[in-house]
Amino acid sequence: MKNWKKALTVGVLALASITMVACGNKSDNGADETDFKGKTLKVGVWGGNESEEKTLKSIVADFEKETGATIELKTYTDYNTQIQTDLIGKTAPDVFYVDSSYFPFLASKGALAPLDEKAFSSDDYYANLTKAFTEDGKLYAIPKDFSTLALYKNTKMFEEVGVDPESVPQSYEELVTWLPEFQEKLDAKYGKGKVKAMSYTDELSRSYHLAARDGAKPIKEDGKPDLENAKVVDNLSILKKLIDTKAVATPQELGAGWNGEAFGTGKIAMMDEGNWVYQTLKEEFSDIPFSVSPMPTYKDKEGSMMFTVGWGKYAGTKSSALADEWIKFATGKEAMTKWVNGTGTLPTREDVATTAEISKNEDLKIHLNAVDYSTVWQKGTSLATINKAYQNYWPEVASGKTSLEDAMKKADKQAIDDIEKAE
């Protein structure tokens, strides 16, 4: 899975402008076809890195050889906008990527056809991943891979300042008291402020698992935000405490575009990041030795964020049976093993998790094991709008200009106004 942020535009969606009609029925949607030789299936994806594109082409070639069908790939560069345009125009691909955060929106518009759980052997996949693509008891996509967050440590930096990486506290609460002394040692070695102890990303997609601790609900069941809720504010206060240690900064504050760049160029000693950074560090910053640990606990509970992408079938497809065949093939044991070994992503099937080479990697196993306790980035149809409002007002919290409670009130108001405008 490529860094999911690159594929999904974060912004206000034109919810009101879309009228998607699930068309077709079993008599004219190709559901009865069994001979696929000479047939063409349109498959929608977003651009990936070189290894992803190479591996996908290999899986496509395998499928074409087995079925005699032809796969016509359509690669989106602005997925949210372009898939909406195709759905409105009823020209969407027969099968396409579905990000878990975007799934509620697509489901609410009837853009996806339900999938038979038994026919697709849904029990073969991690339950919390198939749940992310289930609506009103119906399964709409099969998860193809996923990513989780973990804590990365630059072990060379730790060695140079005489700190054992294993001594890093395992809870956020302990980090608040531990970080200042570690920062002092970094300042003494590299110069004051040249290297920060840790980075953070000021997005709700990264901190949602913290905001939702102890049963708090940052987003209500109706999809409206409730960031100003006292329990949510209390949960998020740990981030403000970390910032106030002066040992934590965003990559942008350090002149880097994202955590991977800040870590790879030696501007931070630790970062919480998804497994998509792993190959980047190995290939582009191979001189940086590092170790990976689970995310710190908070309020005595494990937690992390999880991002997953599935294959969904267009509700208006005229090639229903062939679309099913592709989804089964691409998420089957053989193809998924090829996919995760070729791309470094995490498998969504436990049998592949056992046999794939990636599962023998102790660093990536940290990410893999987090599937049991991570929170899927998904809640309602206005997630991108709420995330944007959160990002707009978090800098006021970080700078101390506005209290956390007041900033979250402003974020709620902005998000609600934007949601209502779009309705």
Protein backbone atom coordinates (compact mmCIF):
# COMPACT_ATOMS: atom_id res chain seq x y z
CA MET A 1 0.00 0.00 0.00
CA LYS A 2 1.45 3.31 -0.98
CA ASN A 3 1.28 6.06 1.62
CA TRP A 4 -2.48 6.28 1.68
CA LYS A 5 -2.41 10.07 2.00
CA LYS A 6 -0.91 10.41 -1.43
CA ALA A 7 -3.78 8.53 -2.97
CA LEU A 8 -6.70 10.11 -1.18
CA THR A 9 -7.25 13.83 -1.39
CA VAL A 10 -8.23 15.24 1.96
CA GLY A 11 -10.85 17.88 1.50
CA VAL A 12 -14.50 18.69 1.45
CA LEU A 13 -16.39 16.23 -0.71
CA ALA A 14 -19.15 17.30 -3.02
CA LEU A 15 -21.63 15.00 -1.30
CA ALA A 16 -24.71 16.75 -2.54
CA SER A 17 -23.69 16.66 -6.18
CA ILE A 18 -23.62 12.92 -6.50
CA THR A 19 -26.51 10.73 -7.43
CA MET A 20 -25.33 7.22 -7.97
CA VAL A 21 -27.79 4.65 -9.07
CA ALA A 22 -26.99 1.00 -8.72
CA CYS A 23 -28.10 -0.31 -12.06
CA GLY A 24 -28.12 -3.71 -13.59
CA ASN A 25 -29.57 -6.99 -12.40
CA LYS A 26 -28.64 -10.62 -12.64
CA SER A 27 -30.14 -10.89 -16.12
CA ASP A 28 -27.99 -8.23 -17.75
CA ASN A 29 -24.99 -7.59 -15.51
CA GLY A 30 -22.94 -10.57 -16.54
CA ALA A 31 -23.56 -12.48 -13.32
CA ASP A 32 -24.26 -15.72 -15.17
CA GLU A 33 -21.10 -15.74 -17.29
CA THR A 34 -18.69 -18.60 -16.76
CA ASP A 35 -16.46 -18.39 -19.82
CA PHE A 36 -14.32 -15.27 -19.60
CA LYS A 37 -12.11 -15.86 -22.62
CA GLY A 38 -11.99 -12.72 -24.75
CA LYS A 39 -13.79 -10.63 -22.09
CA THR A 40 -12.39 -7.34 -20.77
CA LEU A 41 -12.54 -6.17 -17.14
CA LYS A 42 -11.88 -2.53 -16.20
CA VAL A 43 -9.96 -2.24 -12.94
CA GLY A 44 -9.50 1.10 -11.12
CA VAL A 45 -6.42 1.73 -8.96
CA TRP A 46 -4.33 4.65 -7.81
CA GLY A 47 -0.66 5.03 -8.60
CA GLY A 48 1.81 3.17 -6.46
CA ASN A 49 5.56 3.00 -6.19
CA GLU A 50 7.65 1.02 -8.65
CA SER A 51 7.40 -2.25 -6.72
CA GLU A 52 3.62 -1.98 -6.41
CA GLU A 53 3.13 -1.28 -10.10
CA LYS A 54 5.47 -4.14 -11.06
CA THR A 55 3.76 -6.62 -8.73
CA LEU A 56 0.24 -5.62 -9.82
CA LYS A 57 1.20 -6.14 -13.46
CA SER A 58 2.51 -9.59 -12.60
CA ILE A 59 -0.76 -10.54 -10.85
CA VAL A 60 -2.74 -9.17 -13.79
CA ALA A 61 -0.68 -11.32 -16.16
CA ASP A 62 -1.33 -14.41 -14.02
CA PHE A 63 -5.07 -13.71 -14.04
CA GLU A 64 -5.20 -13.14 -17.78
CA LYS A 65 -3.34 -16.39 -18.37
CA GLU A 66 -5.71 -18.35 -16.13
CA THR A 67 -9.00 -16.89 -17.37
CA GLY A 68 -8.30 -15.76 -20.94
CA ALA A 69 -9.76 -12.36 -20.02
CA THR A 70 -8.04 -9.01 -20.45
CA ILE A 71 -7.56 -6.54 -17.61
CA GLU A 72 -7.76 -2.87 -18.52
CA LEU A 73 -6.17 -0.83 -15.74
CA LYS A 74 -7.27 2.72 -15.02
CA THR A 75 -4.89 4.59 -12.72
CA TYR A 76 -6.34 7.54 -10.82
CA THR A 77 -4.14 10.49 -9.86
CA ASP A 78 -6.86 12.27 -7.81
CA TYR A 79 -8.90 9.32 -6.65
CA ASN A 80 -11.68 11.02 -4.67
CA THR A 81 -12.51 13.46 -7.42
CA GLN A 82 -12.05 11.15 -10.40
CA ILE A 83 -13.92 8.14 -9.02
CA GLN A 84 -16.85 10.41 -8.16
CA THR A 85 -16.85 11.75 -11.70
CA ASP A 86 -16.83 8.23 -13.12
CA LEU A 87 -19.59 7.10 -10.77
CA ILE A 88 -21.79 10.06 -11.63
CA GLY A 89 -21.20 9.40 -15.32
CA LYS A 90 -21.78 5.66 -14.79
CA THR A 91 -18.41 4.95 -16.36
CA ALA A 92 -16.70 3.61 -13.24
CA PRO A 93 -14.40 0.58 -13.56
CA ASP A 94 -15.97 -2.81 -12.90
CA VAL A 95 -13.69 -3.25 -9.89
CA PHE A 96 -11.74 -0.58 -8.00
CA TYR A 97 -9.73 0.16 -4.89
CA VAL A 98 -11.79 1.15 -1.86
CA ASP A 99 -10.06 2.88 1.03
CA SER A 100 -11.64 2.11 4.40
CA SER A 101 -11.98 5.81 5.25
CA TYR A 102 -13.86 6.39 2.01
CA PHE A 103 -16.00 3.26 2.16
CA PRO A 104 -18.91 4.75 4.19
CA PHE A 105 -19.31 7.46 1.55
CA LEU A 106 -19.33 4.98 -1.34
CA ALA A 107 -21.71 2.68 0.52
CA SER A 108 -24.07 5.55 1.31
CA LYS A 109 -24.29 6.34 -2.39
CA GLY A 110 -24.96 2.76 -3.46
CA ALA A 111 -21.78 2.71 -5.53
CA LEU A 112 -20.76 -0.81 -4.55
CA ALA A 113 -22.36 -4.20 -5.12
CA PRO A 114 -22.66 -6.52 -2.10
CA LEU A 115 -20.37 -9.55 -2.08
CA ASP A 116 -21.43 -13.03 -0.95
CA GLU A 117 -19.44 -13.71 2.23
CA LYS A 118 -19.43 -17.48 1.73
CA ALA A 119 -18.42 -17.30 -1.93
CA PHE A 120 -15.58 -14.95 -1.05
CA SER A 121 -14.50 -16.99 2.01
CA SER A 122 -14.65 -13.91 4.20
CA ASP A 123 -13.62 -15.94 7.26
CA ASP A 124 -10.13 -16.25 5.76
CA TYR A 125 -9.51 -12.55 6.43
CA TYR A 126 -8.91 -10.68 9.69
CA ALA A 127 -12.36 -9.94 11.06
CA ASN A 128 -11.71 -6.30 11.91
CA LEU A 129 -10.63 -5.69 8.30
CA THR A 130 -13.71 -7.23 6.68
CA LYS A 131 -15.80 -5.36 9.26
CA ALA A 132 -14.36 -2.13 7.83
CA PHE A 133 -16.06 -2.94 4.53
CA THR A 134 -19.37 -4.14 5.95
CA GLU A 135 -22.53 -2.03 6.02
CA ASP A 136 -25.90 -3.14 7.37
CA GLY A 137 -24.69 -6.71 7.56
CA LYS A 138 -23.50 -6.84 3.95
CA LEU A 139 -19.89 -7.16 2.80
CA TYR A 140 -18.90 -4.74 0.01
CA ALA A 141 -15.14 -5.17 -0.43
CA ILE A 142 -12.39 -7.71 0.28
CA PRO A 143 -9.36 -6.20 2.05
CA LYS A 144 -6.20 -6.55 -0.03
CA ASP A 145 -3.62 -5.17 2.43
CA PHE A 146 -3.29 -2.90 5.43
CA SER A 147 -0.87 -0.73 7.39
CA THR A 148 -0.48 0.18 11.07
CA LEU A 149 1.58 2.71 12.98
CA ALA A 150 4.64 1.78 15.04
CA LEU A 151 7.50 3.60 16.78
CA TYR A 152 10.78 3.88 14.84
CA LYS A 153 14.07 4.67 16.62
CA ASN A 154 17.33 5.82 15.03
CA THR A 155 19.63 3.43 16.91
CA LYS A 156 22.81 5.25 15.85
CA MET A 157 21.60 8.45 17.49
CA PHE A 158 20.68 6.60 20.64
CA GLU A 159 24.15 5.05 20.74
CA GLU A 160 25.88 8.38 20.15
CA VAL A 161 24.12 10.01 23.11
CA GLY A 162 24.55 6.97 25.34
CA VAL A 163 20.92 5.97 25.63
CA ASP A 164 19.66 2.41 25.24
CA PRO A 165 16.77 2.34 22.71
CA GLU A 166 15.14 -0.28 24.89
CA SER A 167 14.97 2.25 27.72
CA VAL A 168 12.36 4.36 25.91
CA PRO A 169 9.21 4.33 28.07
CA GLN A 170 6.35 2.21 26.80
CA SER A 171 3.58 4.65 27.64
CA TYR A 172 2.77 8.17 26.50
CA GLU A 173 2.44 9.31 30.09
CA GLU A 174 6.01 8.19 30.88
CA LEU A 175 7.33 9.73 27.66
CA VAL A 176 6.23 13.16 28.84
CA THR A 177 8.64 12.99 31.78
CA TRP A 178 11.40 11.06 29.93
CA LEU A 179 11.70 13.15 26.77
CA PRO A 180 13.23 16.38 28.21
CA GLU A 181 16.37 14.63 29.49
CA PHE A 182 16.75 12.76 26.20
CA GLN A 183 16.38 16.07 24.34
CA GLU A 184 19.10 17.62 26.50
CA LYS A 185 21.49 14.86 25.42
CA LEU A 186 20.60 15.35 21.75
CA ASP A 187 21.16 19.11 22.11
CA ALA A 188 24.53 18.50 23.74
CA LYS A 189 25.63 16.14 20.95
CA TYR A 190 24.24 17.82 17.83
CA GLY A 191 23.59 21.42 18.89
CA LYS A 192 20.52 22.93 20.49
CA GLY A 193 17.39 22.21 18.47
CA LYS A 194 19.27 20.56 15.59
CA VAL A 195 17.70 17.17 16.32
CA LYS A 196 14.34 16.67 17.99
CA ALA A 197 13.68 13.63 20.14
CA MET A 198 10.42 12.77 18.40
CA SER A 199 8.09 13.91 15.67
CA TYR A 200 4.31 13.91 15.53
CA THR A 201 1.75 14.42 12.77
CA ASP A 202 -0.97 16.97 13.45
CA GLU A 203 -3.76 14.98 11.83
CA LEU A 204 -6.77 13.33 13.43
CA SER A 205 -6.05 10.27 11.32
CA ARG A 206 -2.97 9.71 13.49
CA SER A 207 -4.40 10.68 16.88
CA TYR A 208 -7.93 9.28 16.61
CA HIS A 209 -7.01 6.19 18.62
CA LEU A 210 -5.90 8.47 21.46
CA ALA A 211 -8.94 10.73 21.19
CA ALA A 212 -11.27 7.72 21.42
CA ARG A 213 -9.78 6.14 24.57
CA ASP A 214 -12.03 5.10 27.42
CA GLY A 215 -15.10 5.03 25.21
CA ALA A 216 -14.91 8.65 24.08
CA LYS A 217 -16.53 9.43 20.72
CA PRO A 218 -14.74 12.17 18.75
CA ILE A 219 -17.33 11.63 15.99
CA LYS A 220 -20.97 10.94 16.78
CA GLU A 221 -23.01 8.14 15.28
CA ASP A 222 -24.63 10.66 12.90
CA GLY A 223 -21.19 11.50 11.53
CA LYS A 224 -21.01 14.96 13.14
CA PRO A 225 -17.85 15.86 15.11
CA ASP A 226 -17.71 16.08 18.89
CA LEU A 227 -14.08 17.01 19.38
CA GLU A 228 -15.01 19.49 22.12
CA ASN A 229 -16.42 16.66 24.25
CA ALA A 230 -14.72 16.78 27.65
CA LYS A 231 -13.53 13.16 27.44
CA VAL A 232 -12.08 13.73 23.95
CA VAL A 233 -10.32 16.91 25.07
CA ASP A 234 -8.90 15.09 28.07
CA ASN A 235 -7.65 12.26 25.85
CA LEU A 236 -6.01 14.65 23.38
CA SER A 237 -4.33 16.60 26.16
CA ILE A 238 -1.48 14.06 26.14
CA LEU A 239 -0.39 15.43 22.75
CA LYS A 240 -0.23 18.96 24.14
CA LYS A 241 1.84 17.69 27.08
CA LEU A 242 4.26 16.04 24.64
CA ILE A 243 4.58 19.26 22.63
CA ASP A 244 5.19 21.25 25.80
CA THR A 245 8.29 19.15 26.52
CA LYS A 246 9.94 21.05 23.61
CA ALA A 247 11.31 17.69 22.46
CA VAL A 248 8.56 17.05 19.90
CA ALA A 249 7.88 18.74 16.55
CA THR A 250 6.12 18.16 13.26
CA PRO A 251 8.24 17.24 10.21
CA GLN A 252 7.22 20.55 8.63
CA GLU A 253 8.57 22.49 11.61
CA LEU A 254 11.89 20.77 10.93
CA GLY A 255 11.88 21.56 7.22
CA ALA A 256 10.83 18.08 6.06
CA GLY A 257 7.79 17.02 4.08
CA TRP A 258 6.91 14.00 6.18
CA ASN A 259 8.15 11.81 9.02
CA GLY A 260 10.14 9.50 6.76
CA GLU A 261 12.17 12.38 5.35
CA ALA A 262 12.75 13.94 8.78
CA PHE A 263 13.88 10.58 10.18
CA GLY A 264 15.99 9.67 7.16
CA THR A 265 17.81 13.00 7.13
CA GLY A 266 18.63 12.81 10.84
CA LYS A 267 16.32 15.53 12.10
CA ILE A 268 14.49 13.33 14.58
CA ALA A 269 15.50 10.38 16.72
CA MET A 270 12.05 8.77 16.87
CA MET A 271 8.84 8.83 14.86
CA ASP A 272 5.51 7.04 14.80
CA GLU A 273 4.92 5.95 11.24
CA GLY A 274 3.22 3.36 9.08
CA ASN A 275 4.98 0.37 7.54
CA TRP A 276 4.95 2.13 4.18
CA VAL A 277 8.06 3.96 5.46
CA TYR A 278 10.00 0.72 5.88
CA GLN A 279 11.13 0.22 2.28
CA THR A 280 11.81 3.97 1.96
CA LEU A 281 14.23 3.80 4.86
CA LYS A 282 15.88 0.66 3.52
CA GLU A 283 16.28 1.99 -0.02
CA GLU A 284 16.58 5.79 0.23
CA PHE A 285 18.17 6.16 3.67
CA SER A 286 20.09 2.92 3.93
CA ASP A 287 22.76 4.51 6.15
CA ILE A 288 20.23 5.05 8.95
CA PRO A 289 20.09 2.06 11.32
CA PHE A 290 16.78 1.74 13.13
CA SER A 291 14.60 -0.46 15.27
CA VAL A 292 10.82 -0.75 15.46
CA SER A 293 8.66 -0.99 18.58
CA PRO A 294 4.92 -1.06 19.24
CA MET A 295 3.24 2.30 19.74
CA PRO A 296 3.31 3.54 23.35
CA THR A 297 0.33 2.61 25.46
CA TYR A 298 -2.07 5.28 26.72
CA LYS A 299 -4.29 5.03 29.75
CA ASP A 300 -2.96 1.48 30.23
CA LYS A 301 -4.15 0.24 26.84
CA GLU A 302 -2.40 -0.66 23.60
CA GLY A 303 -3.39 1.35 20.57
CA SER A 304 -2.46 2.38 17.06
CA MET A 305 -4.12 3.43 13.82
CA MET A 306 -4.83 1.07 10.96
CA PHE A 307 -5.38 1.87 7.30
CA THR A 308 -6.72 -0.69 4.86
CA VAL A 309 -7.72 -0.88 1.21
CA GLY A 310 -10.04 -3.41 -0.38
CA TRP A 311 -11.27 -4.47 -3.77
CA GLY A 312 -14.88 -3.41 -4.38
CA LYS A 313 -17.25 -4.20 -7.25
CA TYR A 314 -19.04 -1.38 -9.05
CA ALA A 315 -22.81 -1.66 -8.54
CA GLY A 316 -23.38 -0.86 -12.19
CA THR A 317 -20.94 -3.36 -13.67
CA LYS A 318 -21.97 -5.40 -16.70
CA SER A 319 -19.23 -7.94 -15.92
CA SER A 320 -20.31 -9.07 -12.46
CA ALA A 321 -19.04 -12.65 -12.59
CA LEU A 322 -15.69 -11.65 -14.07
CA ALA A 323 -15.39 -8.91 -11.43
CA ASP A 324 -15.98 -11.51 -8.71
CA GLU A 325 -13.37 -13.75 -10.30
CA TRP A 326 -10.77 -10.95 -10.22
CA ILE A 327 -11.46 -10.07 -6.58
CA LYS A 328 -11.19 -13.73 -5.53
CA PHE A 329 -7.99 -14.13 -7.52
CA ALA A 330 -6.29 -10.91 -6.34
CA THR A 331 -7.12 -11.58 -2.67
CA GLY A 332 -6.47 -15.32 -2.84
CA LYS A 333 -3.58 -16.93 -0.99
CA GLU A 334 -1.24 -17.21 -3.98
CA ALA A 335 -1.74 -13.70 -5.38
CA MET A 336 -1.71 -12.04 -1.96
CA THR A 337 1.54 -13.78 -1.10
CA LYS A 338 3.01 -12.40 -4.32
CA TRP A 339 1.57 -8.95 -3.52
CA VAL A 340 2.93 -8.62 0.03
CA ASN A 341 6.31 -10.14 -0.83
CA GLY A 342 6.62 -7.78 -3.79
CA THR A 343 5.43 -4.60 -2.11
CA GLY A 344 6.22 -4.88 1.59
CA THR A 345 2.58 -4.37 2.56
CA LEU A 346 0.84 -6.46 5.23
CA PRO A 347 -1.40 -9.41 4.33
CA THR A 348 -5.06 -9.41 5.29
CA ARG A 349 -5.25 -13.22 5.48
CA GLU A 350 -3.86 -15.07 8.48
CA ASP A 351 -2.68 -17.97 6.30
CA VAL A 352 -0.59 -15.57 4.21
CA ALA A 353 0.64 -13.86 7.36
CA THR A 354 2.03 -17.23 8.41
CA THR A 355 3.76 -18.13 5.16
CA ALA A 356 4.79 -14.85 3.50
CA GLU A 357 8.40 -13.73 3.74
CA ILE A 358 7.28 -10.43 5.22
CA SER A 359 6.03 -12.23 8.30
CA LYS A 360 9.59 -13.41 9.01
CA ASN A 361 10.73 -9.79 9.33
CA GLU A 362 10.82 -8.92 13.06
CA ASP A 363 10.32 -5.19 12.40
CA LEU A 364 7.30 -5.68 10.17
CA LYS A 365 5.86 -8.24 12.56
CA ILE A 366 5.45 -5.33 15.00
CA HIS A 367 3.14 -3.72 12.46
CA LEU A 368 1.42 -7.01 11.67
CA ASN A 369 0.71 -7.83 15.31
CA ALA A 370 -0.95 -4.43 15.75
CA VAL A 371 -3.90 -5.70 13.70
CA ASP A 372 -5.35 -7.06 16.93
CA TYR A 373 -5.61 -3.72 18.76
CA SER A 374 -5.46 -0.91 16.19
CA THR A 375 -8.30 1.42 15.31
CA VAL A 376 -9.38 1.51 11.68
CA TRP A 377 -9.40 5.05 10.28
CA GLN A 378 -13.07 5.17 9.46
CA LYS A 379 -16.14 6.90 10.89
CA GLY A 380 -19.05 8.25 8.91
CA THR A 381 -19.15 9.98 5.56
CA SER A 382 -17.52 13.27 6.60
CA LEU A 383 -14.20 12.06 7.94
CA ALA A 384 -12.11 14.13 5.54
CA THR A 385 -14.06 17.29 6.45
CA ILE A 386 -13.59 16.74 10.18
CA ASN A 387 -9.91 15.89 9.76
CA LYS A 388 -9.39 19.12 7.82
CA ALA A 389 -11.05 21.21 10.55
CA TYR A 390 -8.92 19.49 13.21
CA GLN A 391 -5.77 20.27 11.25
CA ASN A 392 -6.80 23.90 10.82
CA TYR A 393 -7.05 24.53 14.55
CA TRP A 394 -4.42 22.18 15.99
CA PRO A 395 -1.58 24.67 15.32
CA GLU A 396 -3.33 27.10 17.71
CA VAL A 397 -3.18 24.39 20.37
CA ALA A 398 0.45 23.60 19.68
CA SER A 399 1.50 27.24 19.86
CA GLY A 400 -0.49 27.90 23.01
CA LYS A 401 -2.52 30.62 21.29
CA THR A 402 -5.78 28.82 22.07
CA SER A 403 -6.73 26.29 24.70
CA LEU A 404 -7.32 22.76 23.51
CA GLU A 405 -11.00 22.95 24.48
CA ASP A 406 -11.61 26.21 22.59
CA ALA A 407 -9.69 25.01 19.52
CA MET A 408 -11.75 21.85 19.35
CA LYS A 409 -14.94 23.93 19.65
CA LYS A 410 -13.77 25.96 16.64
CA ALA A 411 -12.92 22.77 14.74
CA ASP A 412 -16.36 21.31 15.47
CA LYS A 413 -18.07 24.49 14.25
CA GLN A 414 -16.06 24.62 11.03
CA ALA A 415 -16.65 20.96 10.29
CA ILE A 416 -20.39 21.15 11.00
CA ASP A 417 -20.74 24.27 8.82
CA ASP A 418 -18.90 22.55 5.96
CA ILE A 419 -20.92 19.34 6.33
CA GLU A 420 -24.20 21.24 6.29
CA LYS A 421 -23.16 23.22 3.21
CA ALA A 422 -22.45 19.97 1.39
CA GLU A 423 -25.77 18.35 2.34
